[in-house]
Amino acid sequence: MKRVIIDYKKLSSGQKQAFSDLYSEGYGDNELITLTMGDGSRVSCLPMSFEDTSFLVKIGSVSKDFWDADFLDSIEPVEDVDFDDD
């Protein structure tokens, strides 16, 4: 079986339709595969298979600079909200 990593934009129209059908109700974190590329960037992919080819379809990428940025350390955590009516 042939294995291919491909950007969503480069899929044929038939492959895009198959991808849309496969993930018509969205996808969860358990389906998302994150790869670290040679230049340090991270790419998010979703799997899709046909009879002779297994694809990892790139749906987004974030540069290494984003992950290394100091502002990530400055993001404040979300506070828990208590909705008790007591």
N, C-alpha and C. Protein backbone atom coordinates (compact mmCIF):
# COMPACT_ATOMS: atom_id res chain seq x y z
N MET A 1 0.85 -1.19 0.00
CA MET A 1 0.00 0.00 0.00
C MET A 1 0.88 1.24 0.00
N LYS A 2 0.54 2.18 -0.82
CA LYS A 2 1.24 3.45 -0.93
C LYS A 2 0.81 4.36 0.21
N ARG A 3 1.77 5.05 0.84
CA ARG A 3 1.48 6.00 1.93
C ARG A 3 1.89 7.39 1.50
N VAL A 4 0.98 8.36 1.66
CA VAL A 4 1.21 9.72 1.16
C VAL A 4 0.78 10.73 2.22
N ILE A 5 1.63 11.75 2.41
CA ILE A 5 1.24 12.92 3.20
C ILE A 5 0.97 14.02 2.19
N ILE A 6 -0.24 14.59 2.25
CA ILE A 6 -0.66 15.56 1.23
C ILE A 6 -1.45 16.69 1.88
N ASP A 7 -1.27 17.88 1.36
CA ASP A 7 -2.04 19.04 1.82
C ASP A 7 -3.46 18.92 1.29
N TYR A 8 -4.43 19.30 2.08
CA TYR A 8 -5.83 19.21 1.67
C TYR A 8 -6.05 19.93 0.34
N LYS A 9 -5.39 21.05 0.14
CA LYS A 9 -5.57 21.85 -1.07
C LYS A 9 -5.16 21.10 -2.34
N LYS A 10 -4.29 20.10 -2.19
CA LYS A 10 -3.78 19.37 -3.35
C LYS A 10 -4.56 18.10 -3.66
N LEU A 11 -5.60 17.81 -2.88
CA LEU A 11 -6.44 16.65 -3.18
C LEU A 11 -7.24 16.91 -4.45
N SER A 12 -7.53 15.86 -5.17
CA SER A 12 -8.41 16.00 -6.34
C SER A 12 -9.83 16.28 -5.84
N SER A 13 -10.70 16.70 -6.72
CA SER A 13 -12.08 16.99 -6.30
C SER A 13 -12.76 15.75 -5.75
N GLY A 14 -12.50 14.58 -6.34
CA GLY A 14 -13.07 13.34 -5.83
C GLY A 14 -12.53 12.98 -4.46
N GLN A 15 -11.24 13.21 -4.24
CA GLN A 15 -10.64 12.95 -2.93
C GLN A 15 -11.17 13.92 -1.88
N LYS A 16 -11.37 15.18 -2.27
CA LYS A 16 -11.94 16.16 -1.34
C LYS A 16 -13.36 15.76 -0.94
N GLN A 17 -14.12 15.26 -1.89
CA GLN A 17 -15.48 14.81 -1.59
C GLN A 17 -15.44 13.62 -0.64
N ALA A 18 -14.53 12.66 -0.88
CA ALA A 18 -14.40 11.49 0.00
C ALA A 18 -13.98 11.93 1.41
N PHE A 19 -13.08 12.90 1.48
CA PHE A 19 -12.64 13.44 2.77
C PHE A 19 -13.81 14.09 3.50
N SER A 20 -14.59 14.89 2.77
CA SER A 20 -15.76 15.55 3.36
C SER A 20 -16.78 14.53 3.85
N ASP A 21 -16.98 13.48 3.08
CA ASP A 21 -17.91 12.43 3.48
C ASP A 21 -17.42 11.70 4.73
N LEU A 22 -16.11 11.42 4.77
CA LEU A 22 -15.52 10.70 5.89
C LEU A 22 -15.63 11.50 7.19
N TYR A 23 -15.41 12.80 7.11
CA TYR A 23 -15.43 13.66 8.31
C TYR A 23 -16.62 14.62 8.29
N SER A 24 -17.75 14.16 7.76
CA SER A 24 -18.93 15.00 7.64
C SER A 24 -19.47 15.49 8.99
N GLU A 25 -19.21 14.73 10.03
CA GLU A 25 -19.67 15.12 11.36
C GLU A 25 -18.53 15.67 12.22
N GLY A 26 -17.43 16.02 11.56
CA GLY A 26 -16.28 16.55 12.28
C GLY A 26 -15.32 15.44 12.69
N TYR A 27 -14.37 15.80 13.51
CA TYR A 27 -13.39 14.83 13.98
C TYR A 27 -13.00 15.18 15.41
N GLY A 28 -12.50 14.18 16.11
CA GLY A 28 -12.09 14.37 17.49
C GLY A 28 -10.58 14.37 17.61
N ASP A 29 -10.10 14.73 18.78
CA ASP A 29 -8.66 14.76 19.04
C ASP A 29 -8.03 13.39 18.84
N ASN A 30 -8.80 12.33 19.07
CA ASN A 30 -8.26 10.98 18.93
C ASN A 30 -7.99 10.62 17.47
N GLU A 31 -8.57 11.34 16.53
CA GLU A 31 -8.34 11.08 15.10
C GLU A 31 -7.23 11.94 14.51
N LEU A 32 -6.94 13.04 15.17
CA LEU A 32 -5.96 14.00 14.68
C LEU A 32 -4.54 13.49 14.96
N ILE A 33 -3.69 13.54 13.95
CA ILE A 33 -2.30 13.11 14.08
C ILE A 33 -1.43 14.35 13.88
N THR A 34 -0.53 14.63 14.84
CA THR A 34 0.35 15.78 14.75
C THR A 34 1.76 15.30 14.46
N LEU A 35 2.35 15.82 13.39
CA LEU A 35 3.70 15.47 12.99
C LEU A 35 4.62 16.67 13.17
N THR A 36 5.86 16.42 13.57
CA THR A 36 6.87 17.47 13.61
C THR A 36 7.75 17.30 12.38
N MET A 37 7.78 18.31 11.55
CA MET A 37 8.53 18.27 10.30
C MET A 37 10.01 18.56 10.56
N GLY A 38 10.83 18.38 9.55
CA GLY A 38 12.27 18.58 9.67
C GLY A 38 12.66 19.99 10.08
N ASP A 39 11.85 20.99 9.69
CA ASP A 39 12.16 22.38 10.04
C ASP A 39 11.62 22.78 11.41
N GLY A 40 11.03 21.82 12.12
CA GLY A 40 10.51 22.09 13.46
C GLY A 40 9.05 22.49 13.49
N SER A 41 8.43 22.71 12.34
CA SER A 41 7.02 23.08 12.33
C SER A 41 6.18 21.83 12.63
N ARG A 42 5.01 22.05 13.17
CA ARG A 42 4.09 20.96 13.46
C ARG A 42 2.93 21.01 12.49
N VAL A 43 2.53 19.84 12.02
CA VAL A 43 1.46 19.74 11.04
C VAL A 43 0.39 18.81 11.59
N SER A 44 -0.86 19.23 11.51
CA SER A 44 -1.99 18.40 11.92
C SER A 44 -2.55 17.69 10.70
N CYS A 45 -2.77 16.38 10.84
CA CYS A 45 -3.25 15.56 9.72
C CYS A 45 -4.41 14.68 10.18
N LEU A 46 -5.21 14.31 9.19
CA LEU A 46 -6.28 13.33 9.41
C LEU A 46 -6.07 12.18 8.43
N PRO A 47 -6.25 10.94 8.90
CA PRO A 47 -6.07 9.79 8.00
C PRO A 47 -7.26 9.59 7.07
N MET A 48 -6.95 9.09 5.87
CA MET A 48 -7.97 8.73 4.89
C MET A 48 -7.37 7.64 4.01
N SER A 49 -8.09 6.54 3.82
CA SER A 49 -7.56 5.43 3.04
C SER A 49 -8.45 5.07 1.87
N PHE A 50 -7.81 4.69 0.77
CA PHE A 50 -8.47 4.13 -0.39
C PHE A 50 -7.91 2.72 -0.57
N GLU A 51 -8.34 2.01 -1.58
CA GLU A 51 -7.91 0.64 -1.81
C GLU A 51 -6.39 0.50 -1.87
N ASP A 52 -5.71 1.39 -2.60
CA ASP A 52 -4.28 1.24 -2.82
C ASP A 52 -3.42 2.31 -2.15
N THR A 53 -4.05 3.31 -1.52
CA THR A 53 -3.29 4.43 -0.96
C THR A 53 -3.83 4.83 0.41
N SER A 54 -2.91 5.06 1.34
CA SER A 54 -3.26 5.57 2.66
C SER A 54 -2.72 7.00 2.76
N PHE A 55 -3.62 7.95 3.00
CA PHE A 55 -3.25 9.35 3.06
C PHE A 55 -3.22 9.86 4.50
N LEU A 56 -2.30 10.77 4.78
CA LEU A 56 -2.40 11.67 5.92
C LEU A 56 -2.63 13.03 5.29
N VAL A 57 -3.81 13.58 5.51
CA VAL A 57 -4.19 14.83 4.88
C VAL A 57 -3.88 15.98 5.84
N LYS A 58 -2.96 16.86 5.40
CA LYS A 58 -2.58 18.00 6.23
C LYS A 58 -3.73 19.00 6.24
N ILE A 59 -4.17 19.33 7.44
CA ILE A 59 -5.26 20.30 7.56
C ILE A 59 -4.83 21.59 8.21
N GLY A 60 -3.60 21.64 8.69
CA GLY A 60 -3.11 22.86 9.31
C GLY A 60 -1.68 22.69 9.74
N SER A 61 -0.97 23.80 9.82
CA SER A 61 0.41 23.75 10.30
C SER A 61 0.68 24.99 11.13
N VAL A 62 1.61 24.82 12.07
CA VAL A 62 2.01 25.92 12.94
C VAL A 62 3.53 25.92 12.96
N SER A 63 4.13 27.07 12.76
CA SER A 63 5.59 27.15 12.71
C SER A 63 6.21 26.89 14.08
N LYS A 64 7.47 26.49 14.07
CA LYS A 64 8.22 26.24 15.31
C LYS A 64 8.25 27.50 16.16
N ASP A 65 8.31 28.68 15.51
CA ASP A 65 8.35 29.95 16.24
C ASP A 65 7.12 30.12 17.13
N PHE A 66 5.97 29.65 16.68
CA PHE A 66 4.75 29.76 17.48
C PHE A 66 4.90 28.98 18.78
N TRP A 67 5.40 27.75 18.68
CA TRP A 67 5.52 26.90 19.87
C TRP A 67 6.60 27.41 20.81
N ASP A 68 7.61 28.09 20.26
CA ASP A 68 8.71 28.60 21.08
C ASP A 68 8.44 29.99 21.63
N ALA A 69 7.37 30.64 21.21
CA ALA A 69 7.10 32.02 21.59
C ALA A 69 6.86 32.16 23.09
N ASP A 70 7.39 33.24 23.65
CA ASP A 70 7.22 33.50 25.08
C ASP A 70 5.78 33.75 25.47
N PHE A 71 4.96 34.27 24.53
CA PHE A 71 3.59 34.61 24.89
C PHE A 71 2.77 33.38 25.30
N LEU A 72 3.19 32.19 24.88
CA LEU A 72 2.45 30.99 25.31
C LEU A 72 2.55 30.81 26.82
N ASP A 73 3.70 31.23 27.39
CA ASP A 73 3.88 31.13 28.84
C ASP A 73 3.04 32.16 29.58
N SER A 74 2.65 33.23 28.89
CA SER A 74 1.91 34.30 29.55
C SER A 74 0.39 34.12 29.47
N ILE A 75 -0.06 33.09 28.78
CA ILE A 75 -1.51 32.85 28.67
C ILE A 75 -2.03 32.40 30.03
N GLU A 76 -3.05 33.09 30.50
CA GLU A 76 -3.60 32.75 31.81
C GLU A 76 -4.53 31.54 31.70
N PRO A 77 -4.50 30.67 32.71
CA PRO A 77 -5.38 29.50 32.66
C PRO A 77 -6.84 29.90 32.80
N VAL A 78 -7.71 29.09 32.29
CA VAL A 78 -9.14 29.32 32.39
C VAL A 78 -9.57 28.98 33.82
N GLU A 79 -10.37 29.86 34.40
CA GLU A 79 -10.83 29.62 35.76
C GLU A 79 -12.06 28.74 35.77
N ASP A 80 -12.15 27.89 36.77
CA ASP A 80 -13.36 27.08 36.95
C ASP A 80 -14.47 27.99 37.47
N VAL A 81 -15.65 27.84 36.96
CA VAL A 81 -16.80 28.63 37.38
C VAL A 81 -17.75 27.73 38.13
N ASP A 82 -18.17 28.17 39.29
CA ASP A 82 -19.09 27.41 40.12
C ASP A 82 -20.50 27.90 39.84
N PHE A 83 -21.36 27.02 39.32
CA PHE A 83 -22.72 27.40 38.98
C PHE A 83 -23.73 26.97 40.04
N ASP A 84 -23.27 26.62 41.21
CA ASP A 84 -24.18 26.22 42.28
C ASP A 84 -25.04 27.42 42.69
N ASP A 85 -26.32 27.17 42.93
CA ASP A 85 -27.25 28.23 43.32
C ASP A 85 -27.33 28.41 44.82
N ASP A 86 -26.40 27.86 45.55
CA ASP A 86 -26.45 27.92 47.02
C ASP A 86 -26.18 29.29 47.54
